[in-house]
Amino acid sequence: MALVASCTVLQVVGFQNSGKTTLVEKLIKKAKQFDLRVGSIKHHGHGGPPDSSSELKDSHRHQQAGADVAGVEGGG
């Protein structure tokens, strides 16, 4: 018997400071209540390599909300 994995992808877009990260944190927390595995990828579109050193960054906030894995891409 073969196992078939299912994956749902949600994309959240909006203007800066419009509440995207707050919404994603809430979605992650709700998904974890249903024992779902959650991964997040933040697009870094500000030029240059992403700075992952700060705990205030979105990827860290996603991890704190319960994401199993969180990352950032951008800057090549």
PDB file of N, CA and C in Angstrom:
ATOM      1  N   MET A   1       0.847  -1.173   0.000  1.00  0.00           N
ATOM      2  CA  MET A   1       0.000   0.000   0.000  1.00  0.00           C
ATOM      3  C   MET A   1       0.896   1.241   0.000  1.00  0.00           C
ATOM      4  N   ALA A   2       0.701   2.113  -0.941  1.00  0.00           N
ATOM      5  CA  ALA A   2       1.499   3.333  -1.042  1.00  0.00           C
ATOM      6  C   ALA A   2       0.838   4.457  -0.254  1.00  0.00           C
ATOM      7  N   LEU A   3       1.655   5.227   0.430  1.00  0.00           N
ATOM      8  CA  LEU A   3       1.162   6.402   1.141  1.00  0.00           C
ATOM      9  C   LEU A   3       1.207   7.601   0.205  1.00  0.00           C
ATOM     10  N   VAL A   4       0.139   8.350   0.173  1.00  0.00           N
ATOM     11  CA  VAL A   4       0.076   9.541  -0.662  1.00  0.00           C
ATOM     12  C   VAL A   4       0.027  10.758   0.246  1.00  0.00           C
ATOM     13  N   ALA A   5       0.992  11.617   0.100  1.00  0.00           N
ATOM     14  CA  ALA A   5       1.046  12.827   0.915  1.00  0.00           C
ATOM     15  C   ALA A   5       0.266  13.949   0.244  1.00  0.00           C
ATOM     16  N   SER A   6      -0.364  14.738   1.056  1.00  0.00           N
ATOM     17  CA  SER A   6      -1.108  15.878   0.553  1.00  0.00           C
ATOM     18  C   SER A   6      -0.490  17.144   1.139  1.00  0.00           C
ATOM     19  N   CYS A   7      -0.408  18.154   0.332  1.00  0.00           N
ATOM     20  CA  CYS A   7       0.202  19.399   0.780  1.00  0.00           C
ATOM     21  C   CYS A   7      -0.655  20.573   0.318  1.00  0.00           C
ATOM     22  N   THR A   8      -1.021  21.410   1.247  1.00  0.00           N
ATOM     23  CA  THR A   8      -1.765  22.623   0.920  1.00  0.00           C
ATOM     24  C   THR A   8      -0.811  23.802   1.033  1.00  0.00           C
ATOM     25  N   VAL A   9      -0.845  24.675   0.073  1.00  0.00           N
ATOM     26  CA  VAL A   9       0.011  25.854   0.076  1.00  0.00           C
ATOM     27  C   VAL A   9      -0.866  27.093   0.167  1.00  0.00           C
ATOM     28  N   LEU A  10      -0.551  27.944   1.115  1.00  0.00           N
ATOM     29  CA  LEU A  10      -1.222  29.235   1.246  1.00  0.00           C
ATOM     30  C   LEU A  10      -0.205  30.325   0.974  1.00  0.00           C
ATOM     31  N   GLN A  11      -0.605  31.345   0.251  1.00  0.00           N
ATOM     32  CA  GLN A  11       0.266  32.483  -0.016  1.00  0.00           C
ATOM     33  C   GLN A  11      -0.406  33.718   0.561  1.00  0.00           C
ATOM     34  N   VAL A  12       0.330  34.453   1.387  1.00  0.00           N
ATOM     35  CA  VAL A  12      -0.200  35.670   2.003  1.00  0.00           C
ATOM     36  C   VAL A  12       0.602  36.841   1.460  1.00  0.00           C
ATOM     37  N   VAL A  13      -0.086  37.781   0.837  1.00  0.00           N
ATOM     38  CA  VAL A  13       0.569  38.960   0.271  1.00  0.00           C
ATOM     39  C   VAL A  13      -0.138  40.212   0.757  1.00  0.00           C
ATOM     40  N   GLY A  14       0.582  41.297   0.788  1.00  0.00           N
ATOM     41  CA  GLY A  14      -0.010  42.566   1.194  1.00  0.00           C
ATOM     42  C   GLY A  14       1.052  43.630   1.356  1.00  0.00           C
ATOM     43  N   PHE A  15       0.598  44.822   1.607  1.00  0.00           N
ATOM     44  CA  PHE A  15       1.508  45.946   1.807  1.00  0.00           C
ATOM     45  C   PHE A  15       2.287  45.791   3.104  1.00  0.00           C
ATOM     46  N   GLN A  16       3.407  46.495   3.188  1.00  0.00           N
ATOM     47  CA  GLN A  16       4.219  46.502   4.401  1.00  0.00           C
ATOM     48  C   GLN A  16       3.379  47.006   5.579  1.00  0.00           C
ATOM     49  N   ASN A  17       3.542  46.357   6.729  1.00  0.00           N
ATOM     50  CA  ASN A  17       2.836  46.707   7.970  1.00  0.00           C
ATOM     51  C   ASN A  17       1.314  46.566   7.856  1.00  0.00           C
ATOM     52  N   SER A  18       0.860  45.610   7.018  1.00  0.00           N
ATOM     53  CA  SER A  18      -0.578  45.401   6.876  1.00  0.00           C
ATOM     54  C   SER A  18      -1.099  44.229   7.700  1.00  0.00           C
ATOM     55  N   GLY A  19      -0.203  43.520   8.411  1.00  0.00           N
ATOM     56  CA  GLY A  19      -0.632  42.433   9.283  1.00  0.00           C
ATOM     57  C   GLY A  19      -0.394  41.039   8.729  1.00  0.00           C
ATOM     58  N   LYS A  20       0.423  40.912   7.688  1.00  0.00           N
ATOM     59  CA  LYS A  20       0.677  39.603   7.083  1.00  0.00           C
ATOM     60  C   LYS A  20       1.292  38.627   8.087  1.00  0.00           C
ATOM     61  N   THR A  21       2.322  39.051   8.795  1.00  0.00           N
ATOM     62  CA  THR A  21       3.003  38.163   9.734  1.00  0.00           C
ATOM     63  C   THR A  21       2.083  37.774  10.881  1.00  0.00           C
ATOM     64  N   THR A  22       1.305  38.701  11.372  1.00  0.00           N
ATOM     65  CA  THR A  22       0.354  38.401  12.439  1.00  0.00           C
ATOM     66  C   THR A  22      -0.664  37.370  11.972  1.00  0.00           C
ATOM     67  N   LEU A  23      -1.166  37.523  10.747  1.00  0.00           N
ATOM     68  CA  LEU A  23      -2.109  36.553  10.195  1.00  0.00           C
ATOM     69  C   LEU A  23      -1.460  35.181  10.070  1.00  0.00           C
ATOM     70  N   VAL A  24      -0.240  35.131   9.548  1.00  0.00           N
ATOM     71  CA  VAL A  24       0.444  33.849   9.376  1.00  0.00           C
ATOM     72  C   VAL A  24       0.689  33.188  10.730  1.00  0.00           C
ATOM     73  N   GLU A  25       1.057  33.961  11.744  1.00  0.00           N
ATOM     74  CA  GLU A  25       1.224  33.399  13.089  1.00  0.00           C
ATOM     75  C   GLU A  25      -0.069  32.738  13.568  1.00  0.00           C
ATOM     76  N   LYS A  26      -1.189  33.393  13.343  1.00  0.00           N
ATOM     77  CA  LYS A  26      -2.485  32.837  13.754  1.00  0.00           C
ATOM     78  C   LYS A  26      -2.815  31.570  12.963  1.00  0.00           C
ATOM     79  N   LEU A  27      -2.531  31.571  11.666  1.00  0.00           N
ATOM     80  CA  LEU A  27      -2.777  30.388  10.843  1.00  0.00           C
ATOM     81  C   LEU A  27      -1.911  29.211  11.297  1.00  0.00           C
ATOM     82  N   ILE A  28      -0.657  29.480  11.613  1.00  0.00           N
ATOM     83  CA  ILE A  28       0.246  28.425  12.083  1.00  0.00           C
ATOM     84  C   ILE A  28      -0.274  27.834  13.392  1.00  0.00           C
ATOM     85  N   LYS A  29      -0.627  28.695  14.327  1.00  0.00           N
ATOM     86  CA  LYS A  29      -1.131  28.218  15.621  1.00  0.00           C
ATOM     87  C   LYS A  29      -2.384  27.378  15.454  1.00  0.00           C
ATOM     88  N   LYS A  30      -3.295  27.795  14.581  1.00  0.00           N
ATOM     89  CA  LYS A  30      -4.533  27.044  14.346  1.00  0.00           C
ATOM     90  C   LYS A  30      -4.218  25.695  13.702  1.00  0.00           C
ATOM     91  N   ALA A  31      -3.328  25.674  12.729  1.00  0.00           N
ATOM     92  CA  ALA A  31      -2.958  24.416  12.074  1.00  0.00           C
ATOM     93  C   ALA A  31      -2.346  23.443  13.071  1.00  0.00           C
ATOM     94  N   LYS A  32      -1.524  23.945  13.984  1.00  0.00           N
ATOM     95  CA  LYS A  32      -0.887  23.083  14.978  1.00  0.00           C
ATOM     96  C   LYS A  32      -1.910  22.500  15.950  1.00  0.00           C
ATOM     97  N   GLN A  33      -3.016  23.203  16.181  1.00  0.00           N
ATOM     98  CA  GLN A  33      -4.084  22.668  17.028  1.00  0.00           C
ATOM     99  C   GLN A  33      -4.687  21.404  16.414  1.00  0.00           C
ATOM    100  N   PHE A  34      -4.591  21.281  15.089  1.00  0.00           N
ATOM    101  CA  PHE A  34      -5.094  20.109  14.382  1.00  0.00           C
ATOM    102  C   PHE A  34      -3.973  19.110  14.083  1.00  0.00           C
ATOM    103  N   ASP A  35      -2.831  19.266  14.777  1.00  0.00           N
ATOM    104  CA  ASP A  35      -1.674  18.377  14.628  1.00  0.00           C
ATOM    105  C   ASP A  35      -1.143  18.319  13.198  1.00  0.00           C
ATOM    106  N   LEU A  36      -1.247  19.424  12.476  1.00  0.00           N
ATOM    107  CA  LEU A  36      -0.701  19.498  11.127  1.00  0.00           C
ATOM    108  C   LEU A  36       0.763  19.920  11.187  1.00  0.00           C
ATOM    109  N   ARG A  37       1.536  19.460  10.237  1.00  0.00           N
ATOM    110  CA  ARG A  37       2.927  19.890  10.117  1.00  0.00           C
ATOM    111  C   ARG A  37       2.934  21.167   9.283  1.00  0.00           C
ATOM    112  N   VAL A  38       3.686  22.164   9.733  1.00  0.00           N
ATOM    113  CA  VAL A  38       3.665  23.480   9.093  1.00  0.00           C
ATOM    114  C   VAL A  38       5.087  23.931   8.767  1.00  0.00           C
ATOM    115  N   GLY A  39       5.270  24.408   7.564  1.00  0.00           N
ATOM    116  CA  GLY A  39       6.511  25.037   7.164  1.00  0.00           C
ATOM    117  C   GLY A  39       6.187  26.396   6.557  1.00  0.00           C
ATOM    118  N   SER A  40       7.073  27.347   6.743  1.00  0.00           N
ATOM    119  CA  SER A  40       6.842  28.675   6.163  1.00  0.00           C
ATOM    120  C   SER A  40       8.101  29.148   5.452  1.00  0.00           C
ATOM    121  N   ILE A  41       7.886  29.869   4.375  1.00  0.00           N
ATOM    122  CA  ILE A  41       8.980  30.490   3.632  1.00  0.00           C
ATOM    123  C   ILE A  41       8.616  31.951   3.444  1.00  0.00           C
ATOM    124  N   LYS A  42       9.456  32.820   3.938  1.00  0.00           N
ATOM    125  CA  LYS A  42       9.268  34.269   3.823  1.00  0.00           C
ATOM    126  C   LYS A  42      10.096  34.753   2.646  1.00  0.00           C
ATOM    127  N   HIS A  43       9.474  35.515   1.752  1.00  0.00           N
ATOM    128  CA  HIS A  43      10.221  36.120   0.646  1.00  0.00           C
ATOM    129  C   HIS A  43      10.816  37.438   1.117  1.00  0.00           C
ATOM    130  N   HIS A  44      12.124  37.576   0.930  1.00  0.00           N
ATOM    131  CA  HIS A  44      12.841  38.789   1.294  1.00  0.00           C
ATOM    132  C   HIS A  44      13.039  39.605   0.025  1.00  0.00           C
ATOM    133  N   GLY A  45      12.295  40.678  -0.103  1.00  0.00           N
ATOM    134  CA  GLY A  45      12.358  41.459  -1.330  1.00  0.00           C
ATOM    135  C   GLY A  45      12.943  42.840  -1.148  1.00  0.00           C
ATOM    136  N   HIS A  46      13.813  43.005  -0.148  1.00  0.00           N
ATOM    137  CA  HIS A  46      14.348  44.335   0.141  1.00  0.00           C
ATOM    138  C   HIS A  46      15.744  44.552  -0.431  1.00  0.00           C
ATOM    139  N   GLY A  47      16.230  43.627  -1.212  1.00  0.00           N
ATOM    140  CA  GLY A  47      17.569  43.750  -1.782  1.00  0.00           C
ATOM    141  C   GLY A  47      18.628  43.268  -0.819  1.00  0.00           C
ATOM    142  N   GLY A  48      19.659  42.652  -1.350  1.00  0.00           N
ATOM    143  CA  GLY A  48      20.727  42.125  -0.523  1.00  0.00           C
ATOM    144  C   GLY A  48      20.337  40.825   0.143  1.00  0.00           C
ATOM    145  N   PRO A  49      21.288  40.190   0.794  1.00  0.00           N
ATOM    146  CA  PRO A  49      20.994  38.909   1.462  1.00  0.00           C
ATOM    147  C   PRO A  49      20.112  39.125   2.690  1.00  0.00           C
ATOM    148  N   PRO A  50      19.255  38.165   2.997  1.00  0.00           N
ATOM    149  CA  PRO A  50      18.402  38.272   4.185  1.00  0.00           C
ATOM    150  C   PRO A  50      19.228  38.273   5.466  1.00  0.00           C
ATOM    151  N   ASP A  51      18.789  39.013   6.455  1.00  0.00           N
ATOM    152  CA  ASP A  51      19.437  39.049   7.767  1.00  0.00           C
ATOM    153  C   ASP A  51      18.638  38.147   8.693  1.00  0.00           C
ATOM    154  N   SER A  52      19.195  36.994   9.047  1.00  0.00           N
ATOM    155  CA  SER A  52      18.486  36.048   9.902  1.00  0.00           C
ATOM    156  C   SER A  52      18.982  36.112  11.343  1.00  0.00           C
ATOM    157  N   SER A  53      19.755  37.132  11.682  1.00  0.00           N
ATOM    158  CA  SER A  53      20.347  37.194  13.015  1.00  0.00           C
ATOM    159  C   SER A  53      19.387  37.719  14.079  1.00  0.00           C
ATOM    160  N   SER A  54      18.329  38.385  13.684  1.00  0.00           N
ATOM    161  CA  SER A  54      17.431  39.011  14.653  1.00  0.00           C
ATOM    162  C   SER A  54      16.262  38.106  14.995  1.00  0.00           C
ATOM    163  N   GLU A  55      15.929  38.048  16.280  1.00  0.00           N
ATOM    164  CA  GLU A  55      14.777  37.273  16.720  1.00  0.00           C
ATOM    165  C   GLU A  55      13.468  37.966  16.365  1.00  0.00           C
ATOM    166  N   LEU A  56      13.532  39.198  15.879  1.00  0.00           N
ATOM    167  CA  LEU A  56      12.323  39.931  15.517  1.00  0.00           C
ATOM    168  C   LEU A  56      11.897  39.661  14.078  1.00  0.00           C
ATOM    169  N   LYS A  57      12.702  38.918  13.342  1.00  0.00           N
ATOM    170  CA  LYS A  57      12.400  38.650  11.937  1.00  0.00           C
ATOM    171  C   LYS A  57      11.213  37.707  11.822  1.00  0.00           C
ATOM    172  N   ASP A  58      10.518  37.799  10.677  1.00  0.00           N
ATOM    173  CA  ASP A  58       9.310  37.010  10.458  1.00  0.00           C
ATOM    174  C   ASP A  58       9.545  35.511  10.593  1.00  0.00           C
ATOM    175  N   SER A  59      10.659  35.007  10.052  1.00  0.00           N
ATOM    176  CA  SER A  59      10.898  33.562  10.119  1.00  0.00           C
ATOM    177  C   SER A  59      10.998  33.097  11.572  1.00  0.00           C
ATOM    178  N   HIS A  60      11.593  33.902  12.432  1.00  0.00           N
ATOM    179  CA  HIS A  60      11.665  33.545  13.852  1.00  0.00           C
ATOM    180  C   HIS A  60      10.277  33.609  14.481  1.00  0.00           C
ATOM    181  N   ARG A  61       9.500  34.587  14.115  1.00  0.00           N
ATOM    182  CA  ARG A  61       8.126  34.691  14.632  1.00  0.00           C
ATOM    183  C   ARG A  61       7.290  33.492  14.191  1.00  0.00           C
ATOM    184  N   HIS A  62       7.517  32.997  12.967  1.00  0.00           N
ATOM    185  CA  HIS A  62       6.807  31.816  12.485  1.00  0.00           C
ATOM    186  C   HIS A  62       7.194  30.592  13.321  1.00  0.00           C
ATOM    187  N   GLN A  63       8.489  30.456  13.626  1.00  0.00           N
ATOM    188  CA  GLN A  63       8.940  29.344  14.472  1.00  0.00           C
ATOM    189  C   GLN A  63       8.329  29.440  15.863  1.00  0.00           C
ATOM    190  N   GLN A  64       8.306  30.623  16.429  1.00  0.00           N
ATOM    191  CA  GLN A  64       7.737  30.821  17.749  1.00  0.00           C
ATOM    192  C   GLN A  64       6.233  30.488  17.771  1.00  0.00           C
ATOM    193  N   ALA A  65       5.566  30.667  16.636  1.00  0.00           N
ATOM    194  CA  ALA A  65       4.138  30.359  16.540  1.00  0.00           C
ATOM    195  C   ALA A  65       3.907  28.849  16.443  1.00  0.00           C
ATOM    196  N   GLY A  66       4.982  28.085  16.125  1.00  0.00           N
ATOM    197  CA  GLY A  66       4.854  26.636  16.090  1.00  0.00           C
ATOM    198  C   GLY A  66       5.216  25.980  14.788  1.00  0.00           C
ATOM    199  N   ALA A  67       5.704  26.751  13.809  1.00  0.00           N
ATOM    200  CA  ALA A  67       6.086  26.154  12.529  1.00  0.00           C
ATOM    201  C   ALA A  67       7.183  25.112  12.752  1.00  0.00           C
ATOM    202  N   ASP A  68       7.066  23.982  12.059  1.00  0.00           N
ATOM    203  CA  ASP A  68       8.070  22.937  12.166  1.00  0.00           C
ATOM    204  C   ASP A  68       9.384  23.377  11.508  1.00  0.00           C
ATOM    205  N   VAL A  69       9.268  24.164  10.476  1.00  0.00           N
ATOM    206  CA  VAL A  69      10.430  24.724   9.804  1.00  0.00           C
ATOM    207  C   VAL A  69      10.026  26.090   9.268  1.00  0.00           C
ATOM    208  N   ALA A  70      10.937  27.046   9.337  1.00  0.00           N
ATOM    209  CA  ALA A  70      10.681  28.390   8.826  1.00  0.00           C
ATOM    210  C   ALA A  70      11.963  28.906   8.201  1.00  0.00           C
ATOM    211  N   GLY A  71      11.830  29.546   7.063  1.00  0.00           N
ATOM    212  CA  GLY A  71      13.010  30.055   6.389  1.00  0.00           C
ATOM    213  C   GLY A  71      12.696  31.309   5.610  1.00  0.00           C
ATOM    214  N   VAL A  72      13.751  31.831   4.993  1.00  0.00           N
ATOM    215  CA  VAL A  72      13.621  33.046   4.202  1.00  0.00           C
ATOM    216  C   VAL A  72      14.412  32.860   2.919  1.00  0.00           C
ATOM    217  N   GLU A  73      13.891  33.371   1.823  1.00  0.00           N
ATOM    218  CA  GLU A  73      14.618  33.329   0.557  1.00  0.00           C
ATOM    219  C   GLU A  73      14.637  34.724  -0.022  1.00  0.00           C
ATOM    220  N   GLY A  74      15.658  34.987  -0.807  1.00  0.00           N
ATOM    221  CA  GLY A  74      15.773  36.271  -1.471  1.00  0.00           C
ATOM    222  C   GLY A  74      17.217  36.714  -1.543  1.00  0.00           C
ATOM    223  N   GLY A  75      17.450  37.744  -2.283  1.00  0.00           N
ATOM    224  CA  GLY A  75      18.810  38.262  -2.426  1.00  0.00           C
ATOM    225  C   GLY A  75      19.731  37.323  -3.182  1.00  0.00           C
ATOM    226  N   GLY A  76      19.157  36.481  -4.040  1.00  0.00           N
ATOM    227  CA  GLY A  76      19.959  35.582  -4.846  1.00  0.00           C
ATOM    228  C   GLY A  76      20.218  34.279  -4.160  1.00  0.00           C
TER     229      GLY A  76
END
